[in-house]
Amino acid sequence: MTTVKHPNAQLRELASNYRHLKGEHRREGEQGSRRRHLERQMEELEQKFETLLARWVPDKESQTIWQNYLHSGGSVPEDDLGLVAPVFLGRSQLNSLVEVRESDQGDYEVLVDGTQVQRLPRTFSFGDSPYRTVSLVNQEWTEISRASEPALQVLKHYVEFSTGEPPWQWARMLCADGLIYFNFGLTSRGRRVLSQQGQ
């Protein structure tokens, strides 16, 4: 699947393009088809920006900061989406929690109860089959999900019937749990977790 940029990166890119067009617009004369064309392009970019903002940044204060960034630059909220999604999340019989995430070094980092304990090569596969028990750091871990049951039900319905717009109101939760990509496509983890729904 094609890599989809983090929403913050998409917002920054849209804002940069918008401000570039705004600069060109200022340099145009009062009238003219070029000026009107730039205005239409700016409106389209602003609409895309607002749509993306509504989907991924529900906090009104952060939205205002992003809107100011669109029009005049400056600072943006720190990675307020906090979306470092797991590729595997599991619980042991002793109730410890393991989280496996992609690292900046091109491998996976394995955290047990929040402490990094191991690294795995990206070739390590958790598969697409239903929830399974995986052996890591000399323990067996059963895959779990942190997303709410309503969110999982909505995602399952969307995947099965694929009608209309994705249920964006659940996107942050599902993405943070590693179940979907930023474009609402299912991850391998998402396929494993959904395969257990209703069983």
N, C-alpha and C. Protein backbone atom coordinates (compact mmCIF):
# COMPACT_ATOMS: atom_id res chain seq x y z
N MET A 1 0.84 -1.19 0.00
CA MET A 1 0.00 0.00 0.00
C MET A 1 0.88 1.24 0.00
N THR A 2 0.43 2.24 -0.74
CA THR A 2 1.17 3.50 -0.79
C THR A 2 1.18 4.16 0.57
N THR A 3 2.34 4.67 0.96
CA THR A 3 2.45 5.35 2.24
C THR A 3 1.65 6.65 2.20
N VAL A 4 0.86 6.86 3.23
CA VAL A 4 0.07 8.08 3.33
C VAL A 4 0.70 8.96 4.39
N LYS A 5 0.91 10.23 4.06
CA LYS A 5 1.57 11.13 5.00
C LYS A 5 0.75 11.33 6.26
N HIS A 6 1.46 11.55 7.37
CA HIS A 6 0.83 11.90 8.63
C HIS A 6 -0.02 13.15 8.41
N PRO A 7 -1.22 13.23 9.01
CA PRO A 7 -2.07 14.42 8.82
C PRO A 7 -1.37 15.74 9.10
N ASN A 8 -0.48 15.79 10.10
CA ASN A 8 0.25 17.03 10.37
C ASN A 8 1.11 17.44 9.18
N ALA A 9 1.75 16.46 8.53
CA ALA A 9 2.57 16.75 7.36
C ALA A 9 1.69 17.22 6.21
N GLN A 10 0.51 16.62 6.07
CA GLN A 10 -0.41 17.05 5.02
C GLN A 10 -0.89 18.48 5.27
N LEU A 11 -1.19 18.80 6.53
CA LEU A 11 -1.63 20.16 6.87
C LEU A 11 -0.53 21.17 6.57
N ARG A 12 0.70 20.85 6.93
CA ARG A 12 1.82 21.76 6.66
C ARG A 12 2.00 21.98 5.16
N GLU A 13 1.88 20.91 4.39
CA GLU A 13 2.06 21.02 2.94
C GLU A 13 0.95 21.87 2.32
N LEU A 14 -0.29 21.64 2.73
CA LEU A 14 -1.41 22.44 2.22
C LEU A 14 -1.22 23.92 2.57
N ALA A 15 -0.79 24.19 3.81
CA ALA A 15 -0.59 25.57 4.25
C ALA A 15 0.53 26.24 3.45
N SER A 16 1.59 25.51 3.20
CA SER A 16 2.70 26.06 2.43
C SER A 16 2.26 26.41 1.01
N ASN A 17 1.51 25.50 0.39
CA ASN A 17 1.01 25.76 -0.96
C ASN A 17 0.04 26.93 -0.98
N TYR A 18 -0.79 27.02 0.06
CA TYR A 18 -1.77 28.11 0.15
C TYR A 18 -1.05 29.47 0.25
N ARG A 19 -0.05 29.54 1.12
CA ARG A 19 0.66 30.82 1.30
C ARG A 19 1.45 31.21 0.05
N HIS A 20 1.95 30.20 -0.67
CA HIS A 20 2.64 30.47 -1.93
C HIS A 20 1.67 31.11 -2.94
N LEU A 21 0.47 30.52 -3.06
CA LEU A 21 -0.55 31.08 -3.97
C LEU A 21 -0.99 32.46 -3.52
N LYS A 22 -1.08 32.63 -2.21
CA LYS A 22 -1.48 33.93 -1.66
C LYS A 22 -0.47 35.01 -2.05
N GLY A 23 0.81 34.67 -2.03
CA GLY A 23 1.86 35.60 -2.44
C GLY A 23 1.74 35.96 -3.92
N GLU A 24 1.46 34.94 -4.75
CA GLU A 24 1.28 35.20 -6.18
C GLU A 24 0.06 36.08 -6.41
N HIS A 25 -0.99 35.79 -5.65
CA HIS A 25 -2.25 36.55 -5.77
C HIS A 25 -2.02 38.02 -5.46
N ARG A 26 -1.22 38.30 -4.43
CA ARG A 26 -0.93 39.69 -4.05
C ARG A 26 -0.19 40.44 -5.16
N ARG A 27 0.64 39.71 -5.89
CA ARG A 27 1.44 40.35 -6.94
C ARG A 27 0.66 40.59 -8.24
N GLU A 28 -0.51 39.96 -8.36
CA GLU A 28 -1.33 40.16 -9.56
C GLU A 28 -2.06 41.49 -9.46
N GLY A 29 -2.53 41.98 -10.61
CA GLY A 29 -3.30 43.22 -10.63
C GLY A 29 -4.67 43.02 -10.00
N GLU A 30 -5.43 44.07 -9.94
CA GLU A 30 -6.77 44.05 -9.33
C GLU A 30 -7.73 43.14 -10.09
N GLN A 31 -7.58 43.03 -11.38
CA GLN A 31 -8.48 42.25 -12.22
C GLN A 31 -7.66 41.21 -12.98
N GLY A 32 -8.37 40.35 -13.67
CA GLY A 32 -7.69 39.41 -14.55
C GLY A 32 -8.03 37.96 -14.26
N SER A 33 -7.95 37.13 -15.31
CA SER A 33 -8.31 35.72 -15.19
C SER A 33 -7.30 34.97 -14.31
N ARG A 34 -6.04 35.37 -14.36
CA ARG A 34 -5.01 34.73 -13.52
C ARG A 34 -5.33 34.93 -12.05
N ARG A 35 -5.73 36.12 -11.68
CA ARG A 35 -6.08 36.42 -10.28
C ARG A 35 -7.27 35.56 -9.84
N ARG A 36 -8.29 35.46 -10.70
CA ARG A 36 -9.47 34.64 -10.36
C ARG A 36 -9.11 33.16 -10.25
N HIS A 37 -8.21 32.71 -11.13
CA HIS A 37 -7.75 31.32 -11.08
C HIS A 37 -7.02 31.04 -9.75
N LEU A 38 -6.18 31.96 -9.33
CA LEU A 38 -5.47 31.80 -8.05
C LEU A 38 -6.45 31.78 -6.88
N GLU A 39 -7.48 32.61 -6.95
CA GLU A 39 -8.49 32.64 -5.88
C GLU A 39 -9.20 31.30 -5.77
N ARG A 40 -9.53 30.70 -6.93
CA ARG A 40 -10.19 29.39 -6.91
C ARG A 40 -9.27 28.32 -6.31
N GLN A 41 -8.00 28.37 -6.71
CA GLN A 41 -7.02 27.41 -6.17
C GLN A 41 -6.88 27.57 -4.65
N MET A 42 -6.85 28.81 -4.18
CA MET A 42 -6.73 29.06 -2.75
C MET A 42 -7.96 28.55 -2.00
N GLU A 43 -9.13 28.75 -2.58
CA GLU A 43 -10.37 28.26 -1.95
C GLU A 43 -10.36 26.74 -1.85
N GLU A 44 -9.90 26.07 -2.91
CA GLU A 44 -9.83 24.61 -2.89
C GLU A 44 -8.86 24.12 -1.82
N LEU A 45 -7.70 24.75 -1.74
CA LEU A 45 -6.71 24.35 -0.72
C LEU A 45 -7.25 24.59 0.69
N GLU A 46 -7.92 25.72 0.88
CA GLU A 46 -8.48 26.03 2.20
C GLU A 46 -9.54 25.02 2.59
N GLN A 47 -10.36 24.59 1.62
CA GLN A 47 -11.40 23.59 1.90
C GLN A 47 -10.76 22.25 2.27
N LYS A 48 -9.73 21.84 1.53
CA LYS A 48 -9.02 20.59 1.86
C LYS A 48 -8.42 20.68 3.26
N PHE A 49 -7.84 21.82 3.56
CA PHE A 49 -7.22 22.04 4.87
C PHE A 49 -8.26 21.90 5.98
N GLU A 50 -9.41 22.55 5.81
CA GLU A 50 -10.47 22.52 6.83
C GLU A 50 -11.04 21.11 6.99
N THR A 51 -11.16 20.39 5.89
CA THR A 51 -11.66 19.01 5.96
C THR A 51 -10.70 18.13 6.75
N LEU A 52 -9.42 18.25 6.43
CA LEU A 52 -8.39 17.47 7.13
C LEU A 52 -8.35 17.84 8.62
N LEU A 53 -8.47 19.12 8.89
CA LEU A 53 -8.46 19.61 10.27
C LEU A 53 -9.63 19.02 11.07
N ALA A 54 -10.81 19.03 10.47
CA ALA A 54 -12.00 18.50 11.15
C ALA A 54 -11.87 17.01 11.43
N ARG A 55 -11.20 16.28 10.54
CA ARG A 55 -11.05 14.83 10.71
C ARG A 55 -10.06 14.46 11.80
N TRP A 56 -8.96 15.21 11.89
CA TRP A 56 -7.85 14.77 12.72
C TRP A 56 -7.56 15.64 13.92
N VAL A 57 -8.11 16.86 13.98
CA VAL A 57 -7.80 17.77 15.10
C VAL A 57 -9.12 18.28 15.70
N PRO A 58 -9.76 17.48 16.57
CA PRO A 58 -11.06 17.88 17.11
C PRO A 58 -11.00 19.00 18.15
N ASP A 59 -9.83 19.21 18.73
CA ASP A 59 -9.65 20.24 19.76
C ASP A 59 -9.72 21.64 19.11
N LYS A 60 -10.68 22.45 19.53
CA LYS A 60 -10.92 23.77 18.92
C LYS A 60 -9.71 24.69 19.05
N GLU A 61 -9.03 24.64 20.17
CA GLU A 61 -7.86 25.51 20.38
C GLU A 61 -6.76 25.16 19.37
N SER A 62 -6.52 23.87 19.19
CA SER A 62 -5.51 23.45 18.22
C SER A 62 -5.94 23.79 16.80
N GLN A 63 -7.23 23.66 16.52
CA GLN A 63 -7.73 24.03 15.19
C GLN A 63 -7.44 25.50 14.90
N THR A 64 -7.68 26.35 15.89
CA THR A 64 -7.43 27.79 15.70
C THR A 64 -5.96 28.06 15.41
N ILE A 65 -5.06 27.38 16.12
CA ILE A 65 -3.63 27.55 15.89
C ILE A 65 -3.27 27.12 14.46
N TRP A 66 -3.84 25.99 14.03
CA TRP A 66 -3.58 25.51 12.67
C TRP A 66 -4.14 26.49 11.63
N GLN A 67 -5.31 27.05 11.89
CA GLN A 67 -5.91 28.01 10.94
C GLN A 67 -5.04 29.26 10.83
N ASN A 68 -4.51 29.72 11.96
CA ASN A 68 -3.58 30.86 11.92
C ASN A 68 -2.33 30.50 11.13
N TYR A 69 -1.86 29.27 11.30
CA TYR A 69 -0.69 28.80 10.55
C TYR A 69 -0.97 28.81 9.05
N LEU A 70 -2.17 28.40 8.66
CA LEU A 70 -2.54 28.40 7.25
C LEU A 70 -2.38 29.80 6.65
N HIS A 71 -2.88 30.79 7.35
CA HIS A 71 -2.92 32.14 6.78
C HIS A 71 -1.63 32.94 6.96
N SER A 72 -0.92 32.69 8.06
CA SER A 72 0.25 33.54 8.30
C SER A 72 1.51 32.80 8.75
N GLY A 73 1.50 31.49 8.78
CA GLY A 73 2.70 30.76 9.18
C GLY A 73 2.86 30.76 10.69
N GLY A 74 4.09 30.69 11.15
CA GLY A 74 4.34 30.65 12.58
C GLY A 74 4.43 29.22 13.08
N SER A 75 4.11 29.04 14.35
CA SER A 75 4.25 27.71 14.96
C SER A 75 2.95 26.93 14.84
N VAL A 76 3.07 25.62 14.97
CA VAL A 76 1.91 24.73 14.98
C VAL A 76 1.97 23.92 16.27
N PRO A 77 0.83 23.32 16.66
CA PRO A 77 0.88 22.49 17.87
C PRO A 77 1.88 21.35 17.69
N GLU A 78 2.54 20.99 18.77
CA GLU A 78 3.40 19.82 18.71
C GLU A 78 2.53 18.67 18.24
N ASP A 79 3.14 17.57 17.86
CA ASP A 79 2.41 16.46 17.26
C ASP A 79 1.21 16.09 18.12
N ASP A 80 0.18 16.95 18.06
CA ASP A 80 -0.98 16.79 18.93
C ASP A 80 -1.80 15.56 18.59
N LEU A 81 -1.52 14.92 17.46
CA LEU A 81 -2.27 13.71 17.12
C LEU A 81 -1.75 12.51 17.91
N GLY A 82 -0.49 12.56 18.30
CA GLY A 82 0.06 11.48 19.12
C GLY A 82 -0.14 10.11 18.50
N LEU A 83 0.04 10.01 17.20
CA LEU A 83 -0.28 8.76 16.53
C LEU A 83 0.97 7.95 16.21
N VAL A 84 1.52 7.30 17.21
CA VAL A 84 2.58 6.32 17.00
C VAL A 84 1.91 4.98 17.21
N ALA A 85 1.42 4.43 16.11
CA ALA A 85 0.55 3.26 16.21
C ALA A 85 1.33 1.96 16.35
N PRO A 86 0.80 1.02 17.11
CA PRO A 86 1.45 -0.28 17.23
C PRO A 86 1.18 -1.15 16.01
N VAL A 87 2.15 -2.01 15.67
CA VAL A 87 1.90 -3.04 14.66
C VAL A 87 1.45 -4.32 15.35
N PHE A 88 1.71 -4.38 16.66
CA PHE A 88 1.20 -5.48 17.49
C PHE A 88 1.04 -4.97 18.90
N LEU A 89 -0.05 -5.37 19.53
CA LEU A 89 -0.32 -5.02 20.93
C LEU A 89 -0.84 -6.28 21.60
N GLY A 90 -0.15 -6.69 22.67
CA GLY A 90 -0.56 -7.95 23.29
C GLY A 90 -0.46 -7.93 24.80
N ARG A 91 -1.17 -8.88 25.39
CA ARG A 91 -1.21 -9.01 26.84
C ARG A 91 -0.74 -10.41 27.20
N SER A 92 0.08 -10.51 28.27
CA SER A 92 0.55 -11.82 28.74
C SER A 92 -0.40 -12.37 29.79
N GLN A 93 -0.17 -13.61 30.17
CA GLN A 93 -1.00 -14.22 31.23
C GLN A 93 -0.80 -13.51 32.55
N LEU A 94 0.36 -12.85 32.73
CA LEU A 94 0.64 -12.11 33.96
C LEU A 94 0.16 -10.66 33.86
N ASN A 95 -0.58 -10.35 32.78
CA ASN A 95 -1.18 -9.03 32.57
C ASN A 95 -0.19 -7.94 32.19
N SER A 96 1.00 -8.30 31.74
CA SER A 96 1.92 -7.30 31.19
C SER A 96 1.45 -6.94 29.79
N LEU A 97 1.86 -5.77 29.34
CA LEU A 97 1.46 -5.29 28.02
C LEU A 97 2.70 -5.16 27.13
N VAL A 98 2.63 -5.73 25.94
CA VAL A 98 3.70 -5.58 24.97
C VAL A 98 3.17 -4.74 23.81
N GLU A 99 4.02 -3.82 23.35
CA GLU A 99 3.67 -2.98 22.20
C GLU A 99 4.85 -3.00 21.25
N VAL A 100 4.58 -3.35 20.00
CA VAL A 100 5.61 -3.37 18.97
C VAL A 100 5.31 -2.24 18.00
N ARG A 101 6.29 -1.34 17.80
CA ARG A 101 6.09 -0.17 16.94
C ARG A 101 7.24 -0.05 15.95
N GLU A 102 6.96 0.60 14.83
CA GLU A 102 8.02 0.91 13.87
C GLU A 102 8.94 1.95 14.49
N SER A 103 10.23 1.80 14.28
CA SER A 103 11.19 2.77 14.81
C SER A 103 11.78 3.61 13.68
N ASP A 104 12.45 4.68 14.04
CA ASP A 104 13.11 5.54 13.06
C ASP A 104 14.32 4.86 12.42
N GLN A 105 14.80 3.79 13.05
CA GLN A 105 15.99 3.09 12.54
C GLN A 105 15.64 2.04 11.49
N GLY A 106 14.36 1.91 11.14
CA GLY A 106 13.97 0.96 10.11
C GLY A 106 13.69 -0.43 10.63
N ASP A 107 13.57 -0.58 11.94
CA ASP A 107 13.20 -1.88 12.51
C ASP A 107 11.99 -1.69 13.41
N TYR A 108 11.69 -2.69 14.23
CA TYR A 108 10.61 -2.58 15.21
C TYR A 108 11.22 -2.47 16.61
N GLU A 109 10.61 -1.65 17.46
CA GLU A 109 11.01 -1.64 18.86
C GLU A 109 9.91 -2.35 19.66
N VAL A 110 10.35 -3.15 20.61
CA VAL A 110 9.43 -3.91 21.45
C VAL A 110 9.45 -3.31 22.84
N LEU A 111 8.29 -2.85 23.30
CA LEU A 111 8.17 -2.27 24.64
C LEU A 111 7.29 -3.16 25.51
N VAL A 112 7.78 -3.45 26.69
CA VAL A 112 6.99 -4.22 27.66
C VAL A 112 6.68 -3.28 28.82
N ASP A 113 5.41 -3.06 29.06
CA ASP A 113 4.95 -2.13 30.10
C ASP A 113 5.65 -0.77 29.99
N GLY A 114 5.84 -0.32 28.73
CA GLY A 114 6.39 1.01 28.46
C GLY A 114 7.90 1.09 28.36
N THR A 115 8.61 -0.01 28.64
CA THR A 115 10.08 -0.01 28.59
C THR A 115 10.56 -0.79 27.38
N GLN A 116 11.45 -0.17 26.59
CA GLN A 116 11.98 -0.88 25.43
C GLN A 116 12.88 -2.02 25.89
N VAL A 117 12.60 -3.22 25.38
CA VAL A 117 13.36 -4.39 25.81
C VAL A 117 14.02 -5.14 24.67
N GLN A 118 13.61 -4.84 23.43
CA GLN A 118 14.13 -5.61 22.31
C GLN A 118 13.88 -4.85 21.01
N ARG A 119 14.64 -5.22 19.98
CA ARG A 119 14.39 -4.72 18.63
C ARG A 119 14.19 -5.93 17.72
N LEU A 120 13.33 -5.75 16.71
CA LEU A 120 13.07 -6.81 15.75
C LEU A 120 13.29 -6.27 14.34
N PRO A 121 13.74 -7.14 13.43
CA PRO A 121 13.87 -6.68 12.04
C PRO A 121 12.49 -6.46 11.43
N ARG A 122 12.40 -5.57 10.44
CA ARG A 122 11.12 -5.32 9.78
C ARG A 122 10.61 -6.55 9.03
N THR A 123 11.48 -7.53 8.83
CA THR A 123 11.04 -8.75 8.16
C THR A 123 10.19 -9.62 9.07
N PHE A 124 10.20 -9.32 10.39
CA PHE A 124 9.38 -10.08 11.33
C PHE A 124 7.92 -9.87 10.96
N SER A 125 7.17 -10.97 10.83
CA SER A 125 5.77 -10.86 10.39
C SER A 125 4.80 -11.31 11.48
N PHE A 126 3.78 -10.49 11.67
CA PHE A 126 2.71 -10.86 12.60
C PHE A 126 1.52 -11.43 11.83
N GLY A 127 1.59 -11.35 10.52
CA GLY A 127 0.58 -11.96 9.66
C GLY A 127 -0.73 -11.20 9.59
N ASP A 128 -1.66 -11.76 8.83
CA ASP A 128 -3.00 -11.18 8.68
C ASP A 128 -4.07 -12.09 9.27
N SER A 129 -3.65 -13.22 9.83
CA SER A 129 -4.64 -14.15 10.36
C SER A 129 -5.25 -13.61 11.65
N PRO A 130 -6.34 -14.23 12.16
CA PRO A 130 -7.01 -13.71 13.35
C PRO A 130 -6.07 -13.54 14.54
N TYR A 131 -6.59 -12.81 15.54
CA TYR A 131 -5.84 -12.64 16.80
C TYR A 131 -5.01 -13.88 17.05
N ARG A 132 -3.79 -13.70 17.41
CA ARG A 132 -2.96 -14.85 17.64
C ARG A 132 -2.04 -14.60 18.81
N THR A 133 -1.46 -15.67 19.28
CA THR A 133 -0.47 -15.57 20.34
C THR A 133 0.89 -15.52 19.69
N VAL A 134 1.68 -14.53 20.09
CA VAL A 134 3.01 -14.35 19.52
C VAL A 134 4.03 -14.48 20.64
N SER A 135 5.14 -15.13 20.31
CA SER A 135 6.20 -15.30 21.28
C SER A 135 7.24 -14.19 21.10
N LEU A 136 7.40 -13.39 22.15
CA LEU A 136 8.38 -12.30 22.16
C LEU A 136 9.00 -12.22 23.54
N VAL A 137 10.26 -11.89 23.61
CA VAL A 137 11.00 -11.76 24.88
C VAL A 137 10.65 -12.88 25.87
N ASN A 138 10.69 -14.12 25.36
CA ASN A 138 10.48 -15.32 26.18
C ASN A 138 9.11 -15.39 26.86
N GLN A 139 8.13 -14.74 26.24
CA GLN A 139 6.76 -14.83 26.76
C GLN A 139 5.79 -14.98 25.61
N GLU A 140 4.59 -15.47 25.93
CA GLU A 140 3.52 -15.56 24.95
C GLU A 140 2.58 -14.37 25.16
N TRP A 141 2.21 -13.73 24.06
CA TRP A 141 1.37 -12.54 24.11
C TRP A 141 0.15 -12.73 23.22
N THR A 142 -1.02 -12.49 23.77
CA THR A 142 -2.26 -12.59 22.99
C THR A 142 -2.64 -11.19 22.53
N GLU A 143 -2.88 -11.04 21.24
CA GLU A 143 -3.17 -9.72 20.67
C GLU A 143 -4.48 -9.17 21.22
N ILE A 144 -4.45 -7.87 21.52
CA ILE A 144 -5.62 -7.17 22.03
C ILE A 144 -5.82 -5.88 21.24
N SER A 145 -6.95 -5.23 21.46
CA SER A 145 -7.22 -3.93 20.85
C SER A 145 -7.61 -2.95 21.94
N ARG A 146 -7.18 -1.67 21.77
CA ARG A 146 -7.58 -0.63 22.72
C ARG A 146 -8.76 0.19 22.20
N ALA A 147 -9.11 0.00 20.93
CA ALA A 147 -10.24 0.75 20.36
C ALA A 147 -11.53 0.28 21.02
N SER A 148 -12.49 1.18 21.13
CA SER A 148 -13.76 0.84 21.76
C SER A 148 -14.55 -0.12 20.87
N GLU A 149 -15.46 -0.86 21.49
CA GLU A 149 -16.29 -1.79 20.74
C GLU A 149 -17.12 -1.08 19.66
N PRO A 150 -17.73 0.09 19.96
CA PRO A 150 -18.47 0.80 18.90
C PRO A 150 -17.57 1.16 17.71
N ALA A 151 -16.34 1.59 17.99
CA ALA A 151 -15.42 1.95 16.90
C ALA A 151 -15.09 0.73 16.04
N LEU A 152 -14.88 -0.42 16.69
CA LEU A 152 -14.57 -1.64 15.95
C LEU A 152 -15.77 -2.09 15.11
N GLN A 153 -16.96 -1.96 15.66
CA GLN A 153 -18.18 -2.34 14.92
C GLN A 153 -18.36 -1.45 13.69
N VAL A 154 -18.15 -0.15 13.87
CA VAL A 154 -18.29 0.79 12.75
C VAL A 154 -17.25 0.47 11.67
N LEU A 155 -16.02 0.19 12.08
CA LEU A 155 -14.96 -0.13 11.12
C LEU A 155 -15.30 -1.42 10.37
N LYS A 156 -15.77 -2.43 11.09
CA LYS A 156 -16.12 -3.70 10.45
C LYS A 156 -17.22 -3.49 9.42
N HIS A 157 -18.23 -2.70 9.78
CA HIS A 157 -19.33 -2.42 8.85
C HIS A 157 -18.81 -1.68 7.61
N TYR A 158 -17.95 -0.71 7.83
CA TYR A 158 -17.41 0.05 6.70
C TYR A 158 -16.59 -0.85 5.77
N VAL A 159 -15.76 -1.71 6.36
CA VAL A 159 -14.91 -2.60 5.56
C VAL A 159 -15.77 -3.59 4.77
N GLU A 160 -16.83 -4.10 5.40
CA GLU A 160 -17.66 -5.10 4.74
C GLU A 160 -18.51 -4.51 3.62
N PHE A 161 -19.02 -3.28 3.83
CA PHE A 161 -19.96 -2.72 2.87
C PHE A 161 -19.39 -1.57 2.05
N SER A 162 -18.33 -0.92 2.52
CA SER A 162 -17.62 0.14 1.80
C SER A 162 -18.54 1.10 1.06
N THR A 163 -19.55 1.58 1.73
CA THR A 163 -20.46 2.53 1.10
C THR A 163 -20.26 3.91 1.71
N GLY A 164 -20.24 4.92 0.87
CA GLY A 164 -20.14 6.29 1.37
C GLY A 164 -18.78 6.63 1.92
N GLU A 165 -18.75 7.74 2.63
CA GLU A 165 -17.53 8.25 3.25
C GLU A 165 -17.09 7.35 4.41
N PRO A 166 -15.80 7.23 4.63
CA PRO A 166 -15.34 6.50 5.83
C PRO A 166 -15.86 7.19 7.09
N PRO A 167 -16.02 6.45 8.17
CA PRO A 167 -16.48 7.05 9.44
C PRO A 167 -15.34 7.81 10.12
N TRP A 168 -15.09 9.03 9.62
CA TRP A 168 -13.93 9.81 10.07
C TRP A 168 -13.97 10.14 11.55
N GLN A 169 -15.17 10.17 12.17
CA GLN A 169 -15.24 10.52 13.59
C GLN A 169 -14.51 9.49 14.46
N TRP A 170 -14.26 8.30 13.92
CA TRP A 170 -13.54 7.26 14.66
C TRP A 170 -12.08 7.15 14.24
N ALA A 171 -11.66 7.96 13.28
CA ALA A 171 -10.33 7.78 12.67
C ALA A 171 -9.19 7.87 13.68
N ARG A 172 -9.23 8.87 14.55
CA ARG A 172 -8.11 9.04 15.51
C ARG A 172 -7.94 7.81 16.39
N MET A 173 -9.03 7.30 16.93
CA MET A 173 -8.96 6.13 17.81
C MET A 173 -8.46 4.90 17.05
N LEU A 174 -9.00 4.67 15.86
CA LEU A 174 -8.63 3.49 15.09
C LEU A 174 -7.19 3.57 14.60
N CYS A 175 -6.77 4.77 14.24
CA CYS A 175 -5.39 4.96 13.77
C CYS A 175 -4.40 4.80 14.92
N ALA A 176 -4.73 5.37 16.07
CA ALA A 176 -3.85 5.27 17.23
C ALA A 176 -3.70 3.82 17.70
N ASP A 177 -4.71 2.99 17.41
CA ASP A 177 -4.65 1.57 17.78
C ASP A 177 -3.96 0.74 16.70
N GLY A 178 -3.53 1.40 15.62
CA GLY A 178 -2.81 0.68 14.57
C GLY A 178 -3.69 -0.12 13.64
N LEU A 179 -4.99 0.19 13.61
CA LEU A 179 -5.93 -0.61 12.81
C LEU A 179 -6.11 -0.07 11.39
N ILE A 180 -5.90 1.25 11.21
CA ILE A 180 -6.06 1.84 9.89
C ILE A 180 -4.88 2.75 9.58
N TYR A 181 -4.69 2.99 8.27
CA TYR A 181 -3.75 4.01 7.82
C TYR A 181 -4.47 5.36 7.84
N PHE A 182 -3.75 6.43 7.55
CA PHE A 182 -4.35 7.75 7.58
C PHE A 182 -5.41 7.95 6.51
N ASN A 183 -5.43 7.09 5.48
CA ASN A 183 -6.46 7.19 4.45
C ASN A 183 -7.62 6.23 4.69
N PHE A 184 -7.65 5.61 5.86
CA PHE A 184 -8.68 4.67 6.31
C PHE A 184 -8.53 3.27 5.73
N GLY A 185 -7.42 3.00 5.04
CA GLY A 185 -7.17 1.63 4.62
C GLY A 185 -6.79 0.78 5.82
N LEU A 186 -7.17 -0.50 5.80
CA LEU A 186 -6.87 -1.41 6.91
C LEU A 186 -5.40 -1.79 6.94
N THR A 187 -4.80 -1.83 8.11
CA THR A 187 -3.46 -2.36 8.30
C THR A 187 -3.55 -3.87 8.50
N SER A 188 -2.41 -4.54 8.51
CA SER A 188 -2.40 -5.98 8.82
C SER A 188 -2.99 -6.22 10.20
N ARG A 189 -2.62 -5.37 11.15
CA ARG A 189 -3.18 -5.50 12.51
C ARG A 189 -4.70 -5.31 12.46
N GLY A 190 -5.15 -4.34 11.68
CA GLY A 190 -6.58 -4.11 11.55
C GLY A 190 -7.31 -5.33 11.02
N ARG A 191 -6.72 -6.01 10.04
CA ARG A 191 -7.34 -7.22 9.50
C ARG A 191 -7.40 -8.31 10.55
N ARG A 192 -6.32 -8.46 11.34
CA ARG A 192 -6.32 -9.49 12.39
C ARG A 192 -7.39 -9.21 13.43
N VAL A 193 -7.44 -7.95 13.87
CA VAL A 193 -8.40 -7.60 14.93
C VAL A 193 -9.84 -7.74 14.45
N LEU A 194 -10.12 -7.26 13.23
CA LEU A 194 -11.49 -7.34 12.72
C LEU A 194 -11.94 -8.76 12.48
N SER A 195 -11.00 -9.65 12.18
CA SER A 195 -11.38 -11.03 11.92
C SER A 195 -11.98 -11.70 13.16
N GLN A 196 -11.72 -11.13 14.33
CA GLN A 196 -12.27 -11.67 15.58
C GLN A 196 -13.62 -11.08 15.95
N GLN A 197 -14.00 -9.97 15.30
CA GLN A 197 -15.26 -9.32 15.64
C GLN A 197 -16.43 -10.25 15.33
N GLY A 198 -17.32 -10.38 16.30
CA GLY A 198 -18.52 -11.18 16.10
C GLY A 198 -18.31 -12.67 16.32
N GLN A 199 -17.11 -13.06 16.73
CA GLN A 199 -16.86 -14.49 16.99
C GLN A 199 -17.02 -14.80 18.48
